[in-house]
Protein backbone atom coordinates (compact mmCIF):
# COMPACT_ATOMS: atom_id res chain seq x y z
CA UNK A 1 43.91 -57.96 79.08
CA UNK A 2 40.20 -58.60 79.40
CA UNK A 3 37.76 -55.66 79.17
CA UNK A 4 35.43 -55.34 82.12
CA UNK A 5 31.88 -56.54 81.46
CA UNK A 6 30.50 -53.10 82.37
CA UNK A 7 32.19 -51.67 79.21
CA UNK A 8 31.53 -54.61 76.84
CA UNK A 9 27.80 -54.61 77.47
CA UNK A 10 27.07 -51.00 76.32
CA UNK A 11 29.38 -51.34 73.27
CA UNK A 12 27.63 -54.53 72.16
CA UNK A 13 24.26 -52.88 72.56
CA UNK A 14 25.37 -49.85 70.47
CA UNK A 15 26.73 -52.10 67.67
CA UNK A 16 23.47 -54.06 67.55
CA UNK A 17 21.47 -50.84 67.19
CA UNK A 18 23.75 -49.65 64.37
CA UNK A 19 23.40 -52.94 62.45
CA UNK A 20 19.59 -52.77 62.80
CA UNK A 21 19.44 -49.16 61.47
CA UNK A 22 21.64 -49.95 58.41
CA UNK A 23 19.57 -53.01 57.58
CA UNK A 24 16.30 -51.08 57.81
CA UNK A 25 17.41 -48.20 55.57
CA UNK A 26 18.88 -50.52 52.94
CA UNK A 27 15.45 -51.98 52.24
CA UNK A 28 13.80 -48.54 51.61
CA UNK A 29 14.36 -46.82 48.17
CA UNK A 30 15.52 -43.19 48.33
CA UNK A 31 12.86 -40.50 47.71
CA UNK A 32 12.99 -39.07 44.14
CA UNK A 33 12.07 -35.35 43.90
CA UNK A 34 8.99 -34.66 41.76
CA UNK A 35 9.90 -31.94 39.21
CA UNK A 36 6.24 -31.00 38.63
CA UNK A 37 5.61 -30.59 42.35
CA UNK A 38 8.81 -28.61 42.81
CA UNK A 39 7.97 -26.35 39.90
CA UNK A 40 4.51 -25.76 41.36
CA UNK A 41 6.11 -24.84 44.68
CA UNK A 42 8.47 -22.40 43.01
CA UNK A 43 11.55 -24.58 43.52
CA UNK A 44 13.54 -25.45 40.39
CA UNK A 45 14.08 -29.14 39.74
CA UNK A 46 17.65 -30.47 40.14
CA UNK A 47 19.58 -30.27 36.84
CA UNK A 48 20.59 -33.95 37.18
CA UNK A 49 17.01 -35.13 37.68
CA UNK A 50 15.79 -37.18 34.72
CA UNK A 51 13.12 -35.34 32.64
CA UNK A 52 9.63 -36.72 32.84
CA UNK A 53 9.56 -37.78 29.17
CA UNK A 54 12.61 -40.01 29.60
CA UNK A 55 10.78 -42.32 31.97
CA UNK A 56 8.28 -43.26 29.26
CA UNK A 57 5.40 -42.44 31.59
CA UNK A 58 5.16 -38.59 31.32
CA UNK A 59 3.33 -38.44 27.94
CA UNK A 60 0.51 -40.37 29.55
CA UNK A 61 0.36 -38.11 32.59
CA UNK A 62 -2.16 -35.30 32.72
CA UNK A 63 0.61 -32.65 32.54
CA UNK A 64 2.14 -34.31 29.48
CA UNK A 65 -1.18 -34.59 27.66
CA UNK A 66 -2.11 -30.98 28.44
CA UNK A 67 1.22 -29.76 27.05
CA UNK A 68 0.74 -31.81 23.89
CA UNK A 69 -2.74 -30.37 23.32
CA UNK A 70 -1.43 -26.83 23.86
CA UNK A 71 1.34 -27.31 21.30
CA UNK A 72 -1.13 -28.86 18.85
CA UNK A 73 -3.47 -25.86 19.16
CA UNK A 74 -0.56 -23.48 18.59
CA UNK A 75 0.62 -25.27 15.43
CA UNK A 76 -2.92 -25.50 14.11
CA UNK A 77 -3.17 -21.72 14.36
CA UNK A 78 0.19 -21.33 12.62
CA UNK A 79 -0.94 -23.70 9.89
CA UNK A 80 -4.11 -21.71 9.31
CA UNK A 81 -2.19 -18.42 9.09
CA UNK A 82 0.37 -19.95 6.71
CA UNK A 83 -2.37 -21.34 4.47
CA UNK A 84 -4.20 -18.00 4.43
CA UNK A 85 -0.99 -16.13 3.58
CA UNK A 86 -0.17 -18.51 0.74
CA UNK A 87 -3.67 -18.35 -0.70
CA UNK A 88 -3.84 -14.55 -0.35
CA UNK A 89 -0.56 -14.11 -2.21
CA UNK A 90 -1.58 -16.62 -4.90
CA UNK A 91 -4.85 -14.74 -5.44
CA UNK A 92 -3.20 -11.29 -5.48
CA UNK A 93 -0.63 -12.33 -8.09
CA UNK A 94 -2.81 -14.25 -10.52
CA UNK A 95 -2.66 -11.16 -12.77
CA UNK A 96 0.47 -9.05 -13.43
CA UNK A 97 0.99 -5.70 -11.72
CA UNK A 98 0.43 -3.79 -14.98
CA UNK A 99 -3.01 -5.32 -15.70
CA UNK A 100 -5.26 -5.20 -12.66
CA UNK A 101 -9.03 -5.49 -12.15
CA UNK A 102 -10.86 -2.17 -12.13
CA UNK A 103 -12.43 -3.12 -8.79
CA UNK A 104 -9.01 -2.77 -7.14
CA UNK A 105 -8.55 0.82 -8.35
CA UNK A 106 -11.88 2.57 -8.04
CA UNK A 107 -10.07 5.63 -6.67
CA UNK A 108 -8.17 5.96 -9.98
CA UNK A 109 -11.05 5.35 -12.34
CA UNK A 110 -11.84 9.03 -12.72
CA UNK A 111 -8.73 10.83 -14.03
CA UNK A 112 -7.92 14.44 -13.21
CA UNK A 113 -9.76 14.28 -9.93
CA UNK A 114 -10.38 17.75 -8.59
CA UNK A 115 -8.66 18.56 -5.29
CA UNK A 116 -11.16 20.05 -2.84
CA UNK A 117 -10.69 21.60 0.60
CA UNK A 118 -13.10 22.94 3.17
CA UNK A 119 -11.54 24.70 6.15
CA UNK A 120 -12.19 27.55 8.53
CA UNK A 121 -11.46 31.11 7.47
CA UNK A 122 -8.23 32.27 9.10
CA UNK A 123 -5.17 34.42 8.62
CA UNK A 124 -1.68 33.13 9.49
CA UNK A 125 -0.96 33.82 13.14
CA UNK A 126 -4.59 34.50 14.03
CA UNK A 127 -7.42 32.39 15.34
CA UNK A 128 -10.21 30.68 13.47
CA UNK A 129 -13.20 32.82 12.45
CA UNK A 130 -16.34 31.14 13.86
CA UNK A 131 -19.18 30.06 11.54
CA UNK A 132 -17.18 30.88 8.42
CA UNK A 133 -15.47 28.43 6.04
CA UNK A 134 -13.52 28.67 2.81
CA UNK A 135 -14.34 26.06 0.18
CA UNK A 136 -11.78 25.63 -2.62
CA UNK A 137 -11.25 23.41 -5.68
CA UNK A 138 -8.11 22.82 -7.75
CA UNK A 139 -8.22 21.14 -11.16
CA UNK A 140 -4.81 19.44 -10.92
CA UNK A 141 -1.52 19.49 -9.03
CA UNK A 142 0.97 18.71 -11.83
CA UNK A 143 1.07 20.80 -15.00
CA UNK A 144 3.34 20.64 -18.05
CA UNK A 145 3.86 22.85 -21.09
CA UNK A 146 0.68 24.61 -22.15
CA UNK A 147 -1.49 23.05 -19.41
CA UNK A 148 -3.74 25.41 -17.48
CA UNK A 149 -5.08 24.91 -13.96
CA UNK A 150 -8.44 26.21 -12.76
CA UNK A 151 -9.05 27.24 -9.12
CA UNK A 152 -12.27 28.20 -7.34
CA UNK A 153 -12.88 29.75 -3.92
CA UNK A 154 -16.10 30.46 -2.02
CA UNK A 155 -17.16 31.34 1.54
CA UNK A 156 -19.88 29.40 3.39
CA UNK A 157 -21.19 29.18 6.95
CA UNK A 158 -21.37 26.08 9.13
CA UNK A 159 -24.52 24.94 7.31
CA UNK A 160 -23.00 25.33 3.85
CA UNK A 161 -24.95 28.49 3.04
CA UNK A 162 -22.98 30.81 0.70
CA UNK A 163 -21.58 33.98 2.22
CA UNK A 164 -20.54 37.17 0.41
CA UNK A 165 -16.86 37.10 -0.60
CA UNK A 166 -14.35 39.63 -1.88
CA UNK A 167 -10.90 38.96 -3.32
CA UNK A 168 -8.59 41.60 -1.85
CA UNK A 169 -5.41 40.34 -3.56
CA UNK A 170 -4.28 37.33 -5.64
CA UNK A 171 -0.78 36.67 -6.99
CA UNK A 172 1.06 33.69 -8.51
CA UNK A 173 4.77 33.25 -7.83
CA UNK A 174 7.31 30.67 -6.67
CA UNK A 175 8.32 30.44 -3.00
CA UNK A 176 12.00 31.33 -2.53
CA UNK A 177 12.93 27.93 -1.11
CA UNK A 178 11.92 26.00 -4.22
CA UNK A 179 13.17 25.80 -7.76
CA UNK A 180 16.11 24.23 -9.53
CA UNK A 181 19.05 25.81 -7.70
CA UNK A 182 21.10 28.98 -8.14
CA UNK A 183 21.29 28.61 -11.91
CA UNK A 184 17.55 28.12 -12.36
CA UNK A 185 15.57 30.97 -13.93
CA UNK A 186 13.65 33.03 -11.43
CA UNK A 187 9.87 32.75 -11.54
CA UNK A 188 7.88 35.94 -12.12
CA UNK A 189 5.33 37.39 -9.72
CA UNK A 190 2.05 37.98 -11.53
CA UNK A 191 -1.41 39.11 -10.52
CA UNK A 192 -3.85 36.26 -10.88
CA UNK A 193 -7.41 37.45 -11.55
CA UNK A 194 -10.34 35.68 -9.86
CA UNK A 195 -13.78 36.47 -11.24
CA UNK A 196 -17.43 35.62 -10.65
CA UNK A 197 -18.79 36.92 -13.95
CA UNK A 198 -19.10 33.75 -16.05
CA UNK A 199 -15.78 34.28 -17.89
CA UNK A 200 -12.29 32.79 -17.62
CA UNK A 201 -13.68 29.36 -16.69
CA UNK A 202 -16.23 30.64 -14.17
CA UNK A 203 -19.29 28.41 -14.48
CA UNK A 204 -22.00 30.77 -13.23
CA UNK A 205 -21.93 34.51 -12.82
CA UNK A 206 -22.89 35.96 -9.47
CA UNK A 207 -23.08 32.67 -7.52
CA UNK A 208 -20.41 33.70 -5.02
CA UNK A 209 -17.85 31.22 -6.39
CA UNK A 210 -14.76 33.03 -7.69
CA UNK A 211 -12.68 31.34 -10.38
CA UNK A 212 -9.06 31.82 -11.43
CA UNK A 213 -7.06 30.09 -14.16
CA UNK A 214 -3.30 29.69 -13.94
CA UNK A 215 -1.66 29.59 -17.40
CA UNK A 216 2.07 29.18 -16.64
CA UNK A 217 3.30 29.27 -20.22
CA UNK A 218 1.38 32.44 -21.06
CA UNK A 219 2.12 34.14 -17.73
CA UNK A 220 5.92 34.06 -17.89
CA UNK A 221 6.72 30.68 -16.32
CA UNK A 222 7.82 29.13 -19.63
CA UNK A 223 11.46 28.81 -18.50
CA UNK A 224 10.72 27.86 -14.91
CA UNK A 225 10.40 24.35 -13.46
CA UNK A 226 9.20 24.04 -9.89
CA UNK A 227 6.45 25.06 -7.52
CA UNK A 228 4.07 27.87 -8.47
CA UNK A 229 2.01 29.14 -5.57
CA UNK A 230 -1.13 31.23 -6.01
CA UNK A 231 -1.93 33.19 -2.84
CA UNK A 232 -5.14 35.03 -2.07
CA UNK A 233 -6.33 37.36 0.67
CA UNK A 234 -10.11 37.18 0.88
CA UNK A 235 -12.75 38.97 2.92
CA UNK A 236 -16.23 37.95 4.01
CA UNK A 237 -18.13 40.57 5.98
CA UNK A 238 -15.50 42.25 8.15
CA UNK A 239 -13.35 39.09 8.45
CA UNK A 240 -10.27 38.39 6.33
CA UNK A 241 -8.54 35.10 5.50
CA UNK A 242 -5.68 33.55 3.52
CA UNK A 243 -5.94 30.91 0.75
CA UNK A 244 -3.14 29.22 -1.25
CA UNK A 245 -2.98 26.85 -4.24
CA UNK A 246 0.22 24.96 -5.20
CA UNK A 247 1.01 23.66 -8.70
CA UNK A 248 4.15 21.72 -9.66
CA UNK A 249 5.11 22.86 -13.16
CA UNK A 250 7.45 21.55 -15.87
CA UNK A 251 7.71 23.74 -18.97
CA UNK A 252 8.90 21.07 -21.42
CA UNK A 253 6.58 18.30 -22.61
CA UNK A 254 8.68 15.09 -22.62
CA UNK A 255 6.62 13.23 -25.22
CA UNK A 256 3.47 13.62 -27.31
CA UNK A 257 0.95 11.19 -28.75
CA UNK A 258 0.83 10.60 -32.49
CA UNK A 259 -2.81 9.47 -32.51
CA UNK A 260 -1.96 6.05 -34.01
CA UNK A 261 -3.60 3.13 -32.17
CA UNK A 262 -4.01 -0.61 -32.78
CA UNK A 263 -4.93 -3.72 -30.85
CA UNK A 264 -3.36 -7.19 -31.07
CA UNK A 265 -3.47 -10.54 -29.30
CA UNK A 266 0.01 -11.13 -27.87
CA UNK A 267 0.98 -14.20 -25.81
CA UNK A 268 -2.64 -14.92 -24.92
CA UNK A 269 -3.44 -11.35 -23.83
CA UNK A 270 -4.89 -8.28 -25.54
CA UNK A 271 -2.64 -5.27 -26.11
CA UNK A 272 -3.62 -1.74 -27.04
CA UNK A 273 -0.60 -0.18 -28.75
CA UNK A 274 -0.34 3.64 -28.83
CA UNK A 275 2.09 5.65 -30.93
CA UNK A 276 4.22 8.29 -29.18
CA UNK A 277 6.89 10.75 -30.21
CA UNK A 278 9.46 10.89 -27.39
CA UNK A 279 11.46 14.11 -26.99
CA UNK A 280 13.15 13.21 -23.71
CA UNK A 281 14.16 9.55 -23.34
CA UNK A 282 13.70 8.00 -19.92
CA UNK A 283 11.35 5.94 -17.77
CA UNK A 284 7.67 6.62 -18.47
CA UNK A 285 4.64 5.65 -16.42
CA UNK A 286 1.48 5.58 -18.55
CA UNK A 287 -1.95 4.53 -17.31
CA UNK A 288 -5.23 3.82 -19.10
CA UNK A 289 -8.70 2.51 -18.23
CA UNK A 290 -10.49 -0.26 -20.12
CA UNK A 291 -14.26 -0.94 -20.22
CA UNK A 292 -16.00 -3.80 -21.98
CA UNK A 293 -18.78 -3.39 -24.53
CA UNK A 294 -21.46 -3.12 -21.82
CA UNK A 295 -19.66 -0.16 -20.22
CA UNK A 296 -18.51 -2.25 -17.24
CA UNK A 297 -15.13 -1.11 -15.89
CA UNK A 298 -12.73 -3.96 -16.62
CA UNK A 299 -9.04 -3.20 -16.06
CA UNK A 300 -6.52 -0.54 -15.11
CA UNK A 301 -3.59 -1.01 -17.49
CA UNK A 302 -0.12 0.44 -16.96
CA UNK A 303 3.13 0.83 -18.88
CA UNK A 304 6.18 1.38 -16.67
CA UNK A 305 9.38 1.14 -18.68
CA UNK A 306 12.09 2.97 -20.58
CA UNK A 307 11.33 4.78 -23.83
CA UNK A 308 14.04 5.93 -26.21
CA UNK A 309 13.95 9.12 -28.24
CA UNK A 310 11.89 9.34 -31.41
CA UNK A 311 8.88 7.33 -32.58
CA UNK A 312 7.88 4.68 -30.01
CA UNK A 313 5.12 2.13 -29.45
CA UNK A 314 3.51 2.02 -26.00
CA UNK A 315 1.77 -1.31 -25.21
CA UNK A 316 -1.04 -1.40 -22.63
CA UNK A 317 -1.89 -5.01 -21.85
CA UNK A 318 -5.17 -6.52 -20.67
CA UNK A 319 -4.10 -9.88 -19.26
CA UNK A 320 -5.77 -12.96 -20.77
CA UNK A 321 -6.74 -14.59 -17.46
CA UNK A 322 -8.35 -11.32 -16.37
CA UNK A 323 -10.41 -11.18 -19.59
CA UNK A 324 -11.65 -14.73 -19.06
CA UNK A 325 -12.35 -14.37 -15.33
CA UNK A 326 -14.37 -11.20 -15.95
CA UNK A 327 -16.30 -12.67 -18.91
CA UNK A 328 -15.45 -9.52 -20.85
CA UNK A 329 -17.79 -8.58 -23.68
CA UNK A 330 -16.03 -7.34 -26.82
CA UNK A 331 -15.18 -4.88 -28.20
CA UNK A 332 -13.20 -3.28 -25.39
CA UNK A 333 -12.74 0.49 -25.04
CA UNK A 334 -9.50 2.12 -23.85
CA UNK A 335 -10.15 5.58 -22.41
CA UNK A 336 -8.63 8.39 -20.34
CA UNK A 337 -4.92 7.73 -20.82
CA UNK A 338 -2.41 9.80 -18.86
CA UNK A 339 1.33 9.52 -18.40
CA UNK A 340 4.51 11.18 -17.23
CA UNK A 341 8.28 10.81 -17.41
CA UNK A 342 10.09 10.23 -14.12
CA UNK A 343 12.97 12.60 -13.34
CA UNK A 344 15.08 11.01 -10.59
CA UNK A 345 17.03 13.29 -8.24
CA UNK A 346 15.27 16.37 -9.61
CA UNK A 347 12.49 18.75 -8.67
CA UNK A 348 9.89 18.42 -10.04
CA UNK A 349 10.33 14.64 -10.10
CA UNK A 350 8.13 14.19 -13.18
CA UNK A 351 7.04 15.82 -16.42
CA UNK A 352 3.55 15.04 -17.66
CA UNK A 353 2.52 14.05 -21.16
CA UNK A 354 -0.64 15.53 -22.64
CA UNK A 355 -3.64 13.60 -21.31
CA UNK A 356 -5.91 11.69 -23.69
CA UNK A 357 -9.37 12.30 -22.26
CA UNK A 358 -12.37 10.19 -23.19
CA UNK A 359 -12.31 7.17 -25.54
CA UNK A 360 -8.87 6.56 -27.08
CA UNK A 361 -9.19 3.22 -28.90
CA UNK A 362 -11.79 0.49 -29.49
CA UNK A 363 -10.66 -3.08 -30.00
CA UNK A 364 -11.89 -5.57 -32.53
CA UNK A 365 -14.20 -8.41 -31.49
CA UNK A 366 -12.32 -11.49 -30.33
CA UNK A 367 -13.41 -14.99 -29.34
CA UNK A 368 -12.74 -15.68 -25.65
CA UNK A 369 -10.86 -18.86 -26.54
CA UNK A 370 -8.03 -16.78 -28.03
CA UNK A 371 -6.97 -15.67 -24.57
CA UNK A 372 -4.94 -17.67 -22.08
CA UNK A 373 -6.36 -18.74 -18.75
CA UNK A 374 -2.88 -19.20 -17.27
CA UNK A 375 -2.09 -17.57 -13.94
CA UNK A 376 0.65 -14.95 -14.10
CA UNK A 377 4.06 -16.24 -13.09
CA UNK A 378 7.50 -14.68 -12.66
CA UNK A 379 10.75 -15.46 -10.88
CA UNK A 380 9.62 -13.26 -7.98
CA UNK A 381 6.20 -14.87 -7.58
CA UNK A 382 7.72 -18.36 -7.75
CA UNK A 383 10.19 -17.48 -4.98
CA UNK A 384 7.46 -16.13 -2.74
CA UNK A 385 5.13 -19.05 -3.40
CA UNK A 386 7.95 -21.48 -2.58
CA UNK A 387 8.71 -19.73 0.73
CA UNK A 388 5.06 -19.52 1.75
CA UNK A 389 4.68 -23.18 0.76
CA UNK A 390 7.56 -24.11 3.07
CA UNK A 391 5.77 -22.39 5.95
CA UNK A 392 2.63 -24.43 5.24
CA UNK A 393 4.58 -27.70 4.99
CA UNK A 394 6.45 -27.07 8.24
CA UNK A 395 3.27 -26.28 10.15
CA UNK A 396 1.45 -29.27 8.62
CA UNK A 397 4.29 -31.60 9.64
CA UNK A 398 4.12 -30.38 13.23
CA UNK A 399 0.34 -30.79 13.36
CA UNK A 400 0.52 -34.31 11.91
CA UNK A 401 3.14 -35.36 14.46
CA UNK A 402 1.12 -33.99 17.36
CA UNK A 403 -2.07 -35.62 16.08
CA UNK A 404 -0.42 -39.06 15.68
CA UNK A 405 -1.53 -41.71 18.25
CA UNK A 406 0.77 -42.09 21.23
CA UNK A 407 2.61 -45.43 21.71
CA UNK A 408 1.01 -47.71 24.30
CA UNK A 409 2.07 -47.01 27.83
CA UNK A 410 3.84 -49.45 30.17
C-alpha cells in the first residue's frame, strides 16, 4: 500500500533535519569543565575530571607556578628553622651539663643569696595600710644541723624613708599541717627575740632595722625535721601588721668535708677533687664556682651522683673544651662550694651539707695543650643531633626539588 505524498513529504523533511543536526554536533568537541574556574566560582570540580598536572600543561600555567613558589617559600622557612634548631642544640651541648660557662649562671654566682621582700603593712583579713611598707631579709631558706638563719625587719614609707617600728610579739614554731607524720617529734614554740641594739647579728644599733637569729639546734628543734615558721606582729605609729619567715630544717648533717683537696687532669679536662665523709649514703648535688687567675668567672661545676657511706672523693670537673674556648689563665680557683643530699618522697626533700665559703682550692699551672678541644658527646646528644639532622635533610631535599628547573613545556 503506497503512503500518500502528503505524509511522505513531512517525514522526509524531518529525517533530513535530524541527519544535519547529528552531523553538525559530531564535528564539535564536547566542552571540558575548567577546574580552576569552577573552584573560583565556588563549584567543586567533578571527581572524574583529570587534574591539571596530568595534562602536562598545568605547571607552566600561572596557577601552577604560583603554587610552586608558595610551596618553595614554605619549605625554605622550614629549612631555616631546622638549621637554627640543629645549630642551637649543637652549641648548647658542646660542654657537659655539669661544667657550664659562668655566663650562663650569673644568678647562681653569689651563693647564699639573701631573700628580700618589700610589701605593704597589713594584718590578715584587713586592708593595706597606706604609705607604709615592711622590708624584710632572710639569710637562707634551707638549714641543717647547727646552721643559724638571720632575719631583719624594718618599716618604711612609700619613698623608702625609715619609720619607727615596734615588735609586739615574735615566736618560732612549726605549722600544724607540716612535719613528718604522726610519729614525728613535735616542734617547740619558742619566743624569738628581735633587737636593734647591735647584738645578736644586728649590724647597727638604733637604725630602725630589727634583727632576729633562728638557731634551731639550740632552740629545741634538734629532733624535728620540717618547716619552722617565725611569726611577728609589728607596729608602726598606731598601725599593726603581720610578718612571717619560713625555714626548712633538717637536724642531721648528711655529710661533712674533710678539707682534703687536689686537682688532676683527667680525660682532657681539669678536675678538683674534694674529700668528704658521708654519714647518709644517697644522691648528692654539689656545686662550686671556678675563676681563673685574673679573677674572671669561668665555670659553674656540679656533681650529681650517688655517694656511699664513709670516706668519698667528690670530683668537680672543668671541661677541657670550655677551658680552651675561654682562654683560661692558670691557676684556677674553686670557691663557694655548697651541696645537699636529696631525700625522695620525704619532707624536707633535702639535707644540706656545711657550705664551704670563699676560696676552697687553687689548681696548679697547666699548659693549655694538655686539655682536649673535643665537643662533648653522649648517646643522648647523638640521638638528638641525628633527629635534628634528619629535619634539615628533609627540608633541604624539598627545597632542592622545588628549585630544580621545570621540564620544557609542549
